[in-house]
Protein backbone atom coordinates (compact mmCIF):
# COMPACT_ATOMS: atom_id res chain seq x y z
CA MET A 1 91.71 102.86 79.34
CA LEU A 2 92.91 100.79 76.60
CA LYS A 3 93.49 97.00 77.37
CA GLU A 4 97.02 95.25 75.91
CA ARG A 5 96.09 92.08 74.36
CA LEU A 6 98.37 89.60 72.84
CA LEU A 7 99.28 90.22 69.16
CA ARG A 8 98.74 86.11 68.28
CA PHE A 9 95.18 86.36 69.45
CA ALA A 10 93.92 89.82 68.51
CA VAL A 11 95.35 90.36 65.20
CA PRO A 12 96.66 87.15 63.68
CA ALA A 13 97.85 88.24 60.19
CA LEU A 14 100.17 90.81 61.98
CA TYR A 15 101.45 87.96 64.37
CA ASN A 16 101.98 85.69 61.39
CA ARG A 17 104.11 88.17 59.31
CA MET A 18 106.14 89.15 62.84
CA ILE A 19 106.94 85.30 63.13
CA GLU A 20 107.81 84.76 59.64
CA ILE A 21 110.16 87.65 59.80
CA PHE A 22 111.77 86.96 63.10
CA ALA A 23 112.45 83.40 61.72
CA ALA A 24 114.20 84.49 59.05
CA TYR A 25 116.66 86.40 61.61
CA HIS A 26 116.73 83.30 63.73
CA ILE A 27 114.70 84.54 66.57
CA HIS A 28 112.22 82.36 68.62
CA PRO A 29 108.64 83.36 69.28
CA HIS A 30 109.48 83.18 72.89
CA ASP A 31 112.20 85.57 72.62
CA VAL A 32 109.92 88.59 72.10
CA GLN A 33 106.70 89.63 73.78
CA ALA A 34 104.19 91.18 71.19
CA THR A 35 101.16 92.74 72.37
CA VAL A 36 98.72 95.36 70.66
CA LEU A 37 96.44 98.04 71.76
CA LYS A 38 93.11 98.64 69.54
CA ASN A 39 91.97 102.32 69.30
CA GLU A 40 90.00 104.44 66.87
CA ASN A 41 92.76 104.84 64.52
CA GLY A 42 93.83 101.29 64.26
CA TYR A 43 96.17 98.89 66.03
CA GLU A 44 99.24 100.00 68.12
CA ILE A 45 101.79 97.19 67.91
CA LEU A 46 104.25 96.87 70.80
CA VAL A 47 107.20 94.43 70.62
CA ARG A 48 109.47 93.91 73.70
CA PHE A 49 112.33 91.90 73.85
CA THR A 50 115.92 91.18 75.78
CA SER A 51 116.09 88.60 78.65
CA ASP A 52 113.76 90.96 80.76
CA PHE A 53 111.55 92.00 78.17
CA SER A 54 112.82 95.70 78.84
CA GLN A 55 113.53 97.09 75.41
CA LEU A 56 110.28 98.21 73.33
CA VAL A 57 109.46 99.15 69.77
CA THR A 58 106.22 100.25 68.79
CA LYS A 59 104.12 101.43 65.73
CA GLN A 60 100.60 102.60 64.70
CA PHE A 61 98.94 100.28 61.86
CA SER A 62 95.58 100.85 60.40
CA PHE A 63 92.83 98.31 60.65
CA GLU A 64 93.60 97.57 56.94
CA GLN A 65 97.11 96.87 57.59
CA GLY A 66 96.18 94.47 60.37
CA GLU A 67 94.15 92.48 57.88
CA VAL A 68 96.48 92.67 54.90
CA PRO A 69 100.27 93.33 56.29
CA ASP A 70 101.97 95.46 53.69
CA GLU A 71 105.37 96.76 53.02
CA GLU A 72 105.47 99.17 56.11
CA VAL A 73 104.42 96.43 58.41
CA THR A 74 107.41 94.25 56.94
CA ARG A 75 109.83 96.95 57.40
CA PHE A 76 108.80 97.78 61.14
CA PHE A 77 109.08 94.12 61.97
CA GLU A 78 112.58 93.58 60.26
CA GLU A 79 113.86 96.49 62.10
CA ALA A 80 112.44 95.53 65.40
CA ALA A 81 113.97 91.88 64.25
CA GLU A 82 117.34 93.57 63.70
CA SER A 83 117.47 95.35 66.91
CA CYS A 84 116.29 92.00 68.86
CA LYS A 85 119.02 90.21 67.58
CA SER A 86 121.65 92.90 68.43
CA PHE A 87 120.42 92.85 72.08
CA LEU A 88 120.22 88.79 72.39
CA ILE A 89 123.63 88.50 71.13
CA ALA A 90 124.93 91.45 73.50
CA ASP A 91 123.30 89.53 76.30
CA TYR A 92 124.87 86.45 75.27
CA TYR A 93 128.51 87.98 75.18
CA LYS A 94 127.58 89.51 78.83
CA MET A 95 126.66 86.19 80.28
CA MET A 96 129.79 84.40 78.64
CA LYS A 97 131.95 86.78 80.44
CA ARG A 98 130.63 85.91 83.89
C-alpha cells in the first residue's frame, strides 16, 4: 500500500512551483491540501481544495519532473489553481447568501 505524504516535504521542487503559481492566482497555501504518492513510475500529485477539501485534481509526473518542474507541471498547477479559484469564489457567494 502506498502512503500519501505531504508534497511540501516529499517533493519540495513541485511544492514550490505549486505555491508560486497559486500565489499568482491569490490562493493561499492553506486553501489547498497537496499530497503525493510515490510509485515505480514517479509521483502522483493530489491537490484537494474547497472548504472541506472535497474537490480533487491529480496527475502523474516522472521523477525528473519532480526534480526539475517543466511546462507540463506548470500547466497542471495553473489548471488546478483556476479550478480552485472558481470553487473558492462559489463557496464565498454561497456563504454570503446565508
